[in-house]
Amino acid sequence: MAKDGRPQDLWARLRFSIVGHLLANPPKRGMLRKELKRLSRTLWRHPVTGAPITFGYSTLERWYYASRNEVRDPVGCLRRRVRKDAGYHPSLGNELRKAIHAQYQDHKTWSYCLHHDNLVVVVEDAPELGPLPSCSTVTRYMKSQGLFKQKRKSARNTAGAERAARRVEQFEVRSFESPYVNALWHLDFHHCSRKVLTPEGEWVTPVLLGVLDDYSRLACHLQWYLEETTQALVHGLCQAIQKRGLQRAQMTDNGGAMIAAEAQQGFSDFGIIHEPTLPYSPYQNAKQEVFWGSIEGRLMPMLEGCRDLTLDSLNEATQVWGEGDYNRRFHSEIGMAPIRRFLEGTNVGRPSPSSQELRQAFRAEVSRTQRRSDGTISLERQRFEVPSRYRHLKRLRVRYARWDLSAVDLVDARSGTILCALYPLDKAKNADGRRRRLEPISNDAAGQDTATSPASGMAPLLKKLMAEYSATGLPPAYLPFSNHKDAQDATSNSHDED
């Protein structure tokens, strides 16, 4: 379990890892109490300290029903709730806050401990300021108000060496099958046995992303890509979720795309248990390996006569074959067609999230230090502007996908909610010399009414027109542009039509 996330997320992931398997594989009638009793006797690792810890039966029962009753975010409902007075510092009175601000203005190079020691004397001389809380409370308040020590710190935060100690256990090899639809999905990439011709006139070996349901063997989604990347994985997996529903567990190997931060964050947000296979153990994902035999033994032979095979034509043929042949053909292992078993089986999956929710989930969440000189942070060798109302935050939590820097969001470090969008630094625009007034950090710092923000978002009429167009089922009447290869492909297609 990762130790670099928020404590609330670490606790939620631990709790879901304990009861999540009961959702993917529900116990038989009357066996839930026995399973919870067994889990209550199991030792777990504390998500922050790593110390051994146990949980009571009633606690596990509460987690189980809370996660089971939550459809959209079964992990988020297990997070520790944020205190209602978090960030308000109720132990500090208004007069004492003014004294802290006044003392900081006179002594900006003092340490927080020195500020507290001097405030002790100030409060003794002026009891009307109220009781002085602890040094840690004063420190948190000063940081929340942007009252940082001006002297540059000399201490360096060096990252410790990560020790990857993997324990490979030897077990008997046995076939397995999930008893429910959408309880477990398999996902893997397969290198094609032949090459395709790109618009640049190059022969490239494509890779196929295949997503299979364990119980029904249904091909949830199949798509060819030029490279095995995290962007391709997220692109294909999101389509599988929108087609078949949200799965409970996902089995993959330990490839770079599968363990990337974007994929792991999406699994965590949607409560998908990620079950990676052991190194050098392809037999654990044997159903996927058998499916590749159908690709090379049935689909590819039917394309032998296509010498000028392109990625688009290969994808079109694969979609037709997957839905019209494989999913509807008799499967000897299950004794029926995959689509029939998928529809007739007990489905423990959940409804698919919206496209926007999928895009927001499958993004990496990282921590960045804000540069106080100009209020920016760095992502992928590019700087992004932070709104001035968040200038007091030293460390920021940011969500983004490496392949799409047009959607970068600042998130709350405690709750994980999206606060605002961040945009790239526009040096040319900033050169005009016009500057906005600094927005107040809080009511304590400014004492002024916050200016009304301008209307944002899409107009209601345009929203209605887009919804009506989407309901027709027709594809958008334009060619999306994602990279230079797509652009050249679109250009070549337009010339062909002429």
Protein backbone atom coordinates (compact mmCIF):
# COMPACT_ATOMS: atom_id res chain seq x y z
CA MET A 1 0.00 0.00 0.00
CA ALA A 2 1.33 3.44 -0.97
CA LYS A 3 2.45 5.64 1.95
CA ASP A 4 2.65 8.94 0.03
CA GLY A 5 -1.06 9.77 -0.11
CA ARG A 6 -3.38 11.64 2.23
CA PRO A 7 -4.04 9.91 5.58
CA GLN A 8 -7.77 9.97 4.78
CA ASP A 9 -7.16 8.09 1.52
CA LEU A 10 -4.74 5.63 3.14
CA TRP A 11 -7.33 4.75 5.77
CA ALA A 12 -10.09 4.45 3.16
CA ARG A 13 -7.98 2.15 0.98
CA LEU A 14 -7.08 -0.06 3.94
CA ARG A 15 -10.71 -0.34 5.02
CA PHE A 16 -11.83 -1.13 1.49
CA SER A 17 -9.07 -3.71 1.04
CA ILE A 18 -10.47 -5.51 4.10
CA VAL A 19 -14.17 -5.55 3.15
CA GLY A 20 -13.89 -5.05 -0.62
CA HIS A 21 -13.49 -8.75 -1.36
CA LEU A 22 -16.85 -9.38 0.30
CA LEU A 23 -18.41 -7.11 -2.34
CA ALA A 24 -16.69 -8.76 -5.29
CA ASN A 25 -17.45 -12.26 -3.94
CA PRO A 26 -20.45 -11.94 -1.59
CA PRO A 27 -20.60 -14.68 1.06
CA LYS A 28 -23.45 -17.13 1.02
CA ARG A 29 -26.56 -16.52 3.09
CA GLY A 30 -25.76 -16.73 6.80
CA MET A 31 -21.98 -16.68 6.27
CA LEU A 32 -21.40 -12.91 6.50
CA ARG A 33 -21.07 -12.95 10.29
CA LYS A 34 -18.52 -15.76 10.11
CA GLU A 35 -16.44 -13.89 7.51
CA LEU A 36 -16.48 -10.67 9.54
CA LYS A 37 -15.47 -12.60 12.68
CA ARG A 38 -12.55 -14.08 10.76
CA LEU A 39 -11.47 -10.67 9.52
CA SER A 40 -11.69 -9.25 13.07
CA ARG A 41 -9.09 -11.82 14.20
CA THR A 42 -6.69 -10.92 11.37
CA LEU A 43 -3.72 -8.62 11.88
CA TRP A 44 -3.50 -5.64 9.53
CA ARG A 45 -0.88 -2.96 9.04
CA HIS A 46 -1.58 0.56 10.20
CA PRO A 47 -1.82 2.66 6.98
CA VAL A 48 0.41 5.43 8.37
CA THR A 49 2.79 3.86 10.90
CA GLY A 50 2.83 0.29 9.58
CA ALA A 51 2.29 -1.16 13.06
CA PRO A 52 0.09 -4.28 13.43
CA ILE A 53 -3.53 -3.50 14.21
CA THR A 54 -6.89 -5.30 14.48
CA PHE A 55 -10.47 -4.11 14.07
CA GLY A 56 -13.59 -5.18 15.92
CA TYR A 57 -16.53 -7.04 14.41
CA SER A 58 -18.95 -4.11 14.68
CA THR A 59 -16.42 -1.81 13.02
CA LEU A 60 -15.95 -4.17 10.07
CA GLU A 61 -19.71 -4.61 9.79
CA ARG A 62 -20.20 -0.83 9.62
CA TRP A 63 -17.53 -0.52 6.90
CA TYR A 64 -19.07 -3.36 4.89
CA TYR A 65 -22.60 -1.95 4.80
CA ALA A 66 -21.38 1.61 4.19
CA SER A 67 -19.34 0.48 1.17
CA ARG A 68 -22.05 -1.84 -0.13
CA ASN A 69 -24.75 0.85 -0.01
CA GLU A 70 -22.54 3.40 -1.81
CA VAL A 71 -22.75 2.86 -5.58
CA ARG A 72 -20.57 5.65 -6.95
CA ASP A 73 -17.71 5.85 -4.47
CA PRO A 74 -17.45 2.79 -2.19
CA VAL A 75 -13.94 3.87 -1.16
CA GLY A 76 -14.68 7.53 -0.48
CA CYS A 77 -17.46 6.69 1.99
CA LEU A 78 -14.83 4.94 4.16
CA ARG A 79 -12.65 8.04 4.51
CA ARG A 80 -12.32 9.66 7.89
CA ARG A 81 -14.65 12.62 8.04
CA VAL A 82 -13.13 16.08 8.16
CA ARG A 83 -13.94 17.97 11.33
CA LYS A 84 -16.53 20.72 10.87
CA ASP A 85 -14.21 23.25 12.52
CA ALA A 86 -11.13 22.17 10.54
CA GLY A 87 -9.23 25.26 9.40
CA TYR A 88 -11.21 27.67 11.62
CA HIS A 89 -8.92 27.58 14.71
CA PRO A 90 -11.68 28.16 17.27
CA SER A 91 -9.14 28.34 20.14
CA LEU A 92 -7.83 31.64 18.77
CA GLY A 93 -9.90 34.74 19.53
CA ASN A 94 -10.16 37.74 17.19
CA GLU A 95 -7.97 39.97 19.36
CA LEU A 96 -5.30 37.30 19.67
CA ARG A 97 -5.30 36.82 15.90
CA LYS A 98 -4.71 40.54 15.41
CA ALA A 99 -1.79 40.37 17.83
CA ILE A 100 -0.26 37.49 15.86
CA HIS A 101 -0.57 39.43 12.58
CA ALA A 102 0.91 42.55 14.15
CA GLN A 103 3.86 40.68 15.64
CA TYR A 104 4.56 38.94 12.33
CA GLN A 105 4.61 42.25 10.44
CA ASP A 106 7.35 43.47 12.81
CA HIS A 107 9.35 40.23 12.90
CA LYS A 108 8.94 38.21 9.72
CA THR A 109 12.23 36.35 10.20
CA TRP A 110 11.28 34.86 13.56
CA SER A 111 10.68 31.14 13.88
CA TYR A 112 7.20 29.93 14.85
CA CYS A 113 8.48 28.82 18.24
CA LEU A 114 9.95 32.27 18.89
CA HIS A 115 6.64 33.87 17.91
CA HIS A 116 4.83 31.64 20.39
CA ASP A 117 7.29 32.37 23.22
CA ASN A 118 6.83 36.11 22.73
CA LEU A 119 3.05 35.75 22.55
CA VAL A 120 3.16 34.09 25.97
CA VAL A 121 4.58 37.34 27.38
CA VAL A 122 2.08 39.44 25.40
CA VAL A 123 -0.86 37.47 26.79
CA GLU A 124 0.50 37.76 30.35
CA ASP A 125 0.61 41.54 30.00
CA ALA A 126 -2.80 41.71 28.28
CA PRO A 127 -5.12 38.99 29.69
CA GLU A 128 -8.00 40.40 27.65
CA LEU A 129 -6.49 38.73 24.56
CA GLY A 130 -7.66 35.40 25.92
CA PRO A 131 -5.81 32.13 26.62
CA LEU A 132 -2.94 31.29 24.30
CA PRO A 133 -3.12 27.82 22.71
CA SER A 134 -0.15 25.54 22.10
CA CYS A 135 2.76 26.32 19.80
CA SER A 136 1.55 23.82 17.20
CA THR A 137 -1.86 25.52 17.02
CA VAL A 138 -0.25 28.94 16.54
CA THR A 139 2.05 27.48 13.89
CA ARG A 140 -0.85 25.96 11.94
CA TYR A 141 -2.77 29.23 12.08
CA MET A 142 0.17 31.29 10.86
CA LYS A 143 0.79 28.93 7.96
CA SER A 144 -2.89 28.97 7.01
CA GLN A 145 -2.72 32.77 6.82
CA GLY A 146 0.44 32.84 4.74
CA LEU A 147 2.58 34.14 7.63
CA PHE A 148 5.68 32.21 6.64
CA LYS A 149 9.17 32.67 7.99
CA GLN A 150 11.02 34.84 5.49
CA LYS A 151 14.46 33.38 6.09
CA ARG A 152 15.24 30.57 3.69
CA LYS A 153 15.50 27.21 5.37
CA SER A 154 18.79 25.36 5.03
CA ALA A 155 17.48 21.90 5.78
CA ARG A 156 16.90 19.73 2.76
CA ASN A 157 14.16 17.15 2.46
CA THR A 158 15.92 14.14 1.04
CA ALA A 159 13.79 11.25 -0.15
CA GLY A 160 14.67 7.90 1.47
CA ALA A 161 15.71 4.90 -0.63
CA GLU A 162 12.76 2.70 -1.56
CA ARG A 163 13.28 -0.97 -0.78
CA ALA A 164 11.19 -3.31 -2.90
CA ALA A 165 11.02 -6.57 -0.94
CA ARG A 166 8.68 -8.89 -2.84
CA ARG A 167 7.74 -12.14 -1.26
CA VAL A 168 7.16 -14.78 -3.94
CA GLU A 169 5.24 -17.68 -2.55
CA GLN A 170 4.87 -21.04 -4.29
CA PHE A 171 1.35 -22.36 -4.60
CA GLU A 172 -0.33 -25.14 -6.48
CA VAL A 173 -1.53 -24.05 -9.91
CA ARG A 174 -5.32 -24.37 -10.04
CA SER A 175 -7.92 -22.99 -12.43
CA PHE A 176 -10.26 -20.39 -10.94
CA GLU A 177 -13.40 -18.55 -11.98
CA SER A 178 -15.34 -15.73 -10.40
CA PRO A 179 -18.97 -16.72 -9.74
CA TYR A 180 -20.41 -13.32 -10.69
CA VAL A 181 -20.56 -11.03 -13.71
CA ASN A 182 -18.34 -7.92 -13.44
CA ALA A 183 -16.72 -9.25 -10.27
CA LEU A 184 -13.31 -9.62 -11.96
CA TRP A 185 -11.97 -8.34 -15.25
CA HIS A 186 -8.77 -9.29 -17.04
CA LEU A 187 -6.73 -6.72 -18.97
CA ASP A 188 -3.59 -7.06 -21.04
CA PHE A 189 -1.81 -5.92 -24.19
CA HIS A 190 -1.01 -8.26 -27.11
CA HIS A 191 1.52 -7.60 -29.89
CA CYS A 192 0.07 -8.31 -33.32
CA SER A 193 1.57 -10.96 -35.58
CA ARG A 194 1.64 -8.57 -38.52
CA LYS A 195 2.29 -4.90 -39.15
CA VAL A 196 0.04 -2.04 -40.19
CA LEU A 197 0.80 0.86 -42.53
CA THR A 198 0.79 4.30 -40.91
CA PRO A 199 -0.01 7.61 -42.71
CA GLU A 200 3.73 8.38 -42.54
CA GLY A 201 4.40 5.39 -44.76
CA GLU A 202 5.94 3.25 -42.01
CA TRP A 203 5.22 -0.35 -41.08
CA VAL A 204 4.48 -0.59 -37.34
CA THR A 205 3.51 -3.54 -35.16
CA PRO A 206 0.32 -2.57 -33.27
CA VAL A 207 -0.68 -3.77 -29.82
CA LEU A 208 -4.19 -4.89 -28.86
CA LEU A 209 -5.75 -3.88 -25.57
CA GLY A 210 -8.18 -6.59 -24.50
CA VAL A 211 -10.55 -6.40 -21.53
CA LEU A 212 -12.34 -9.64 -20.60
CA ASP A 213 -14.92 -10.50 -17.95
CA ASP A 214 -13.72 -13.50 -15.93
CA TYR A 215 -17.09 -15.19 -15.37
CA SER A 216 -18.62 -14.83 -18.85
CA ARG A 217 -15.39 -14.56 -20.93
CA LEU A 218 -17.08 -11.59 -22.63
CA ALA A 219 -14.79 -9.25 -24.56
CA CYS A 220 -15.76 -6.00 -22.85
CA HIS A 221 -13.65 -3.93 -25.25
CA LEU A 222 -10.96 -4.53 -27.89
CA GLN A 223 -8.86 -1.84 -29.52
CA TRP A 224 -5.51 -1.65 -31.30
CA TYR A 225 -2.93 1.04 -30.54
CA LEU A 226 0.48 1.89 -31.93
CA GLU A 227 2.12 1.80 -28.49
CA GLU A 228 1.52 0.23 -25.09
CA THR A 229 1.02 3.34 -22.96
CA THR A 230 -0.97 4.41 -19.94
CA GLN A 231 -3.00 6.74 -22.16
CA ALA A 232 -4.00 3.80 -24.35
CA LEU A 233 -4.91 1.71 -21.30
CA VAL A 234 -7.11 4.44 -19.81
CA HIS A 235 -8.68 5.20 -23.20
CA GLY A 236 -9.67 1.57 -23.77
CA LEU A 237 -10.63 0.72 -20.19
CA CYS A 238 -12.97 3.70 -19.93
CA GLN A 239 -14.77 2.50 -23.06
CA ALA A 240 -15.12 -0.99 -21.54
CA ILE A 241 -16.63 0.51 -18.38
CA GLN A 242 -19.10 2.60 -20.38
CA LYS A 243 -20.11 -0.46 -22.40
CA ARG A 244 -20.45 -3.07 -19.64
CA GLY A 245 -20.57 -1.24 -16.28
CA LEU A 246 -18.12 -0.65 -13.45
CA GLN A 247 -16.26 -3.78 -12.39
CA ARG A 248 -15.36 -4.76 -8.83
CA ALA A 249 -11.82 -6.07 -9.37
CA GLN A 250 -9.19 -5.81 -12.12
CA MET A 251 -6.39 -8.30 -12.82
CA THR A 252 -3.35 -7.17 -14.82
CA ASP A 253 0.33 -7.90 -15.00
CA ASN A 254 2.94 -5.52 -13.59
CA GLY A 255 3.52 -3.58 -16.81
CA GLY A 256 4.38 0.10 -16.66
CA ALA A 257 0.98 1.17 -17.99
CA MET A 258 -0.88 -0.95 -15.41
CA ILE A 259 0.97 0.36 -12.36
CA ALA A 260 1.13 3.99 -13.54
CA ALA A 261 -0.21 6.64 -11.17
CA GLU A 262 -3.13 7.55 -13.45
CA ALA A 263 -4.41 3.95 -13.56
CA GLN A 264 -3.91 3.36 -9.84
CA GLN A 265 -5.73 6.58 -8.92
CA GLY A 266 -8.69 5.61 -11.13
CA PHE A 267 -8.87 2.16 -9.53
CA SER A 268 -8.83 3.73 -6.08
CA ASP A 269 -11.45 6.40 -6.82
CA PHE A 270 -13.95 3.89 -8.22
CA GLY A 271 -13.31 1.21 -5.61
CA ILE A 272 -11.81 -1.26 -8.09
CA ILE A 273 -9.57 -3.83 -6.41
CA HIS A 274 -6.36 -4.07 -8.44
CA GLU A 275 -4.99 -7.61 -8.38
CA PRO A 276 -1.64 -7.70 -10.20
CA THR A 277 -0.21 -11.09 -11.10
CA LEU A 278 3.02 -12.35 -9.58
CA PRO A 279 6.17 -11.68 -11.61
CA TYR A 280 6.89 -14.33 -14.23
CA SER A 281 3.49 -15.98 -13.61
CA PRO A 282 1.48 -15.59 -16.84
CA TYR A 283 -0.66 -18.60 -15.90
CA GLN A 284 -2.54 -16.37 -13.42
CA ASN A 285 -3.93 -14.46 -16.39
CA ALA A 286 -4.45 -17.61 -18.48
CA LYS A 287 -7.90 -16.62 -19.75
CA GLN A 288 -6.34 -13.61 -21.42
CA GLU A 289 -3.59 -15.74 -22.96
CA VAL A 290 -6.19 -18.18 -24.36
CA PHE A 291 -8.11 -15.27 -25.87
CA TRP A 292 -5.02 -14.16 -27.79
CA GLY A 293 -5.18 -17.56 -29.48
CA SER A 294 -8.60 -16.65 -30.88
CA ILE A 295 -7.20 -13.36 -32.16
CA GLU A 296 -4.29 -14.99 -33.99
CA GLY A 297 -6.14 -18.16 -35.00
CA ARG A 298 -9.47 -16.74 -36.15
CA LEU A 299 -9.38 -12.97 -36.66
CA MET A 300 -5.96 -12.43 -38.21
CA PRO A 301 -6.28 -15.25 -40.80
CA MET A 302 -9.40 -13.53 -42.14
CA LEU A 303 -7.28 -10.43 -42.83
CA GLU A 304 -4.53 -12.21 -44.74
CA GLY A 305 -5.76 -10.81 -48.05
CA CYS A 306 -5.52 -7.21 -46.81
CA ARG A 307 -2.00 -6.16 -47.72
CA ASP A 308 -2.43 -2.44 -47.03
CA LEU A 309 -3.87 -2.97 -43.54
CA THR A 310 -4.11 0.25 -41.53
CA LEU A 311 -4.80 0.81 -37.85
CA ASP A 312 -8.30 2.14 -38.57
CA SER A 313 -9.28 -0.78 -40.77
CA LEU A 314 -7.83 -3.26 -38.26
CA ASN A 315 -9.80 -1.66 -35.43
CA GLU A 316 -13.00 -1.65 -37.45
CA ALA A 317 -12.61 -5.34 -38.31
CA THR A 318 -11.76 -6.22 -34.71
CA GLN A 319 -14.85 -4.46 -33.34
CA VAL A 320 -17.11 -6.27 -35.79
CA TRP A 321 -15.47 -9.64 -35.08
CA GLY A 322 -15.55 -9.18 -31.31
CA GLU A 323 -19.22 -8.24 -31.07
CA GLY A 324 -20.55 -10.30 -33.97
CA ASP A 325 -18.46 -13.47 -33.74
CA TYR A 326 -16.53 -14.02 -30.51
CA ASN A 327 -19.12 -12.73 -28.02
CA ARG A 328 -21.92 -14.66 -29.78
CA ARG A 329 -20.09 -17.91 -30.57
CA PHE A 330 -20.39 -21.03 -28.43
CA HIS A 331 -17.60 -21.15 -25.85
CA SER A 332 -16.57 -24.68 -24.97
CA GLU A 333 -15.32 -23.79 -21.49
CA ILE A 334 -18.57 -22.22 -20.27
CA GLY A 335 -20.97 -24.18 -22.49
CA MET A 336 -22.69 -21.15 -24.04
CA ALA A 337 -21.98 -17.85 -25.77
CA PRO A 338 -20.18 -15.23 -23.64
CA ILE A 339 -22.86 -12.61 -24.22
CA ARG A 340 -25.56 -15.01 -23.02
CA ARG A 341 -23.69 -15.88 -19.84
CA PHE A 342 -22.98 -12.21 -19.23
CA LEU A 343 -26.68 -11.35 -19.42
CA GLU A 344 -27.96 -14.35 -17.47
CA GLY A 345 -25.40 -14.32 -14.65
CA THR A 346 -25.66 -12.46 -11.33
CA ASN A 347 -24.18 -9.02 -11.95
CA VAL A 348 -22.30 -7.46 -9.02
CA GLY A 349 -21.06 -4.54 -11.11
CA ARG A 350 -22.15 -0.93 -10.82
CA PRO A 351 -23.51 1.59 -13.31
CA SER A 352 -20.90 3.33 -15.43
CA PRO A 353 -19.81 6.79 -14.31
CA SER A 354 -20.13 9.66 -16.76
CA SER A 355 -17.40 10.44 -19.27
CA GLN A 356 -16.37 13.49 -17.23
CA GLU A 357 -16.11 11.44 -14.03
CA LEU A 358 -13.98 8.85 -15.81
CA ARG A 359 -11.63 11.52 -17.16
CA GLN A 360 -11.30 13.12 -13.73
CA ALA A 361 -10.65 9.81 -11.95
CA PHE A 362 -7.94 8.32 -14.17
CA ARG A 363 -5.43 11.06 -13.42
CA ALA A 364 -2.37 11.11 -11.23
CA GLU A 365 -2.57 13.03 -7.96
CA VAL A 366 0.76 14.54 -7.00
CA SER A 367 2.11 17.03 -4.48
CA ARG A 368 3.92 20.14 -5.65
CA THR A 369 5.63 23.05 -3.88
CA GLN A 370 4.28 26.48 -4.79
CA ARG A 371 6.89 29.02 -5.85
CA ARG A 372 6.05 32.06 -3.77
CA SER A 373 7.82 34.52 -6.05
CA ASP A 374 5.20 34.23 -8.80
CA GLY A 375 2.60 31.76 -7.45
CA THR A 376 3.27 28.90 -9.85
CA ILE A 377 3.96 25.17 -9.74
CA SER A 378 5.79 22.92 -12.19
CA LEU A 379 4.22 19.96 -13.98
CA GLU A 380 5.93 18.00 -16.75
CA ARG A 381 8.50 20.81 -17.29
CA GLN A 382 5.73 23.39 -17.64
CA ARG A 383 4.63 26.01 -15.11
CA PHE A 384 1.01 26.55 -14.05
CA GLU A 385 -0.47 29.59 -12.32
CA VAL A 386 -2.11 29.17 -8.89
CA PRO A 387 -4.97 31.56 -8.00
CA SER A 388 -3.84 34.15 -5.48
CA ARG A 389 -6.39 33.03 -2.89
CA TYR A 390 -4.30 29.87 -2.47
CA ARG A 391 -0.95 31.67 -2.20
CA HIS A 392 -0.60 30.70 1.48
CA LEU A 393 -0.40 26.99 0.67
CA LYS A 394 3.15 25.71 0.49
CA ARG A 395 2.34 22.18 -0.72
CA LEU A 396 -0.47 21.70 -3.24
CA ARG A 397 -2.24 18.52 -4.30
CA VAL A 398 -2.79 18.50 -8.06
CA ARG A 399 -4.56 16.04 -10.36
CA TYR A 400 -3.56 15.69 -13.99
CA ALA A 401 -2.86 13.19 -16.76
CA ARG A 402 0.55 13.33 -18.36
CA TRP A 403 -0.94 13.22 -21.86
CA ASP A 404 -3.53 15.98 -21.25
CA LEU A 405 -2.19 19.11 -19.55
CA SER A 406 -5.31 21.05 -20.57
CA ALA A 407 -7.19 19.55 -17.60
CA VAL A 408 -5.16 20.22 -14.44
CA ASP A 409 -7.11 20.61 -11.18
CA LEU A 410 -6.16 21.75 -7.69
CA VAL A 411 -7.68 19.45 -5.04
CA ASP A 412 -8.28 19.78 -1.32
CA ALA A 413 -5.53 17.99 0.60
CA ARG A 414 -8.03 16.81 3.23
CA SER A 415 -11.16 15.80 1.33
CA GLY A 416 -9.86 15.34 -2.22
CA THR A 417 -12.55 17.59 -3.72
CA ILE A 418 -11.65 19.67 -6.77
CA LEU A 419 -11.12 23.32 -5.83
CA CYS A 420 -10.35 24.95 -9.17
CA ALA A 421 -8.66 24.45 -12.53
CA LEU A 422 -5.05 25.47 -13.10
CA TYR A 423 -3.89 26.94 -16.40
CA PRO A 424 -0.43 27.22 -17.98
CA LEU A 425 1.60 30.34 -17.35
CA ASP A 426 1.04 32.85 -20.17
CA LYS A 427 4.17 35.02 -20.14
CA ALA A 428 3.13 36.98 -23.23
CA LYS A 429 -0.17 38.00 -21.63
CA ASN A 430 1.53 38.85 -18.35
CA ALA A 431 3.89 41.18 -20.21
CA ASP A 432 1.16 43.82 -20.60
CA GLY A 433 1.84 44.95 -17.02
CA ARG A 434 -1.76 44.69 -15.82
CA ARG A 435 -2.15 42.87 -12.51
CA ARG A 436 -5.20 41.79 -10.51
CA ARG A 437 -5.51 42.62 -6.83
CA LEU A 438 -4.64 39.75 -4.51
CA GLU A 439 -7.71 37.83 -3.42
CA PRO A 440 -8.13 37.55 0.38
CA ILE A 441 -6.87 34.30 1.88
CA SER A 442 -9.58 34.39 4.55
CA ASN A 443 -11.85 36.82 6.36
CA ASP A 444 -9.18 37.24 9.04
CA ALA A 445 -6.49 38.40 6.61
CA ALA A 446 -8.44 40.91 4.56
CA GLY A 447 -11.70 41.84 6.24
CA GLN A 448 -13.17 42.73 2.87
CA ASP A 449 -16.05 41.25 0.94
CA THR A 450 -14.99 38.83 -1.73
CA ALA A 451 -15.72 40.13 -5.22
CA THR A 452 -18.44 38.37 -7.10
CA SER A 453 -16.88 35.95 -9.55
CA PRO A 454 -18.01 36.22 -13.16
CA ALA A 455 -20.40 33.69 -14.58
CA SER A 456 -18.63 30.57 -15.76
CA GLY A 457 -19.55 27.44 -17.64
CA MET A 458 -21.65 26.82 -20.71
CA ALA A 459 -24.84 28.75 -21.40
CA PRO A 460 -28.13 26.87 -20.62
CA LEU A 461 -29.30 26.96 -24.25
CA LEU A 462 -26.08 25.48 -25.56
CA LYS A 463 -26.20 22.81 -22.85
CA LYS A 464 -29.71 21.87 -23.98
CA LEU A 465 -28.71 21.72 -27.64
CA MET A 466 -25.71 19.51 -26.85
CA ALA A 467 -27.85 17.17 -24.74
CA GLU A 468 -30.42 16.84 -27.53
CA TYR A 469 -27.68 16.13 -30.07
CA SER A 470 -26.11 13.55 -27.78
CA ALA A 471 -29.48 11.79 -27.38
CA THR A 472 -29.62 11.12 -31.12
CA GLY A 473 -26.64 8.80 -30.84
CA LEU A 474 -24.89 10.42 -33.78
CA PRO A 475 -21.12 10.89 -33.53
CA PRO A 476 -19.70 14.42 -33.35
CA ALA A 477 -19.37 15.93 -36.81
CA TYR A 478 -15.64 16.56 -36.63
CA LEU A 479 -12.36 14.66 -36.49
CA PRO A 480 -10.80 14.89 -33.01
CA PHE A 481 -7.17 15.93 -32.89
CA SER A 482 -5.03 14.24 -30.25
CA ASN A 483 -1.50 14.04 -31.71
CA HIS A 484 0.44 14.74 -34.88
CA LYS A 485 -0.29 11.30 -36.29
CA ASP A 486 -4.06 11.84 -36.03
CA ALA A 487 -3.67 15.21 -37.71
CA GLN A 488 -1.82 13.74 -40.69
CA ASP A 489 -4.34 10.91 -40.89
CA ALA A 490 -7.23 13.40 -40.99
CA THR A 491 -5.48 15.41 -43.69
CA SER A 492 -4.87 12.35 -45.83
CA ASN A 493 -8.53 11.29 -45.49
CA SER A 494 -9.76 14.69 -46.60
CA HIS A 495 -7.49 14.57 -49.66
CA ASP A 496 -8.79 11.10 -50.53
CA GLU A 497 -12.37 12.33 -50.45
CA ASP A 498 -11.46 15.16 -52.82
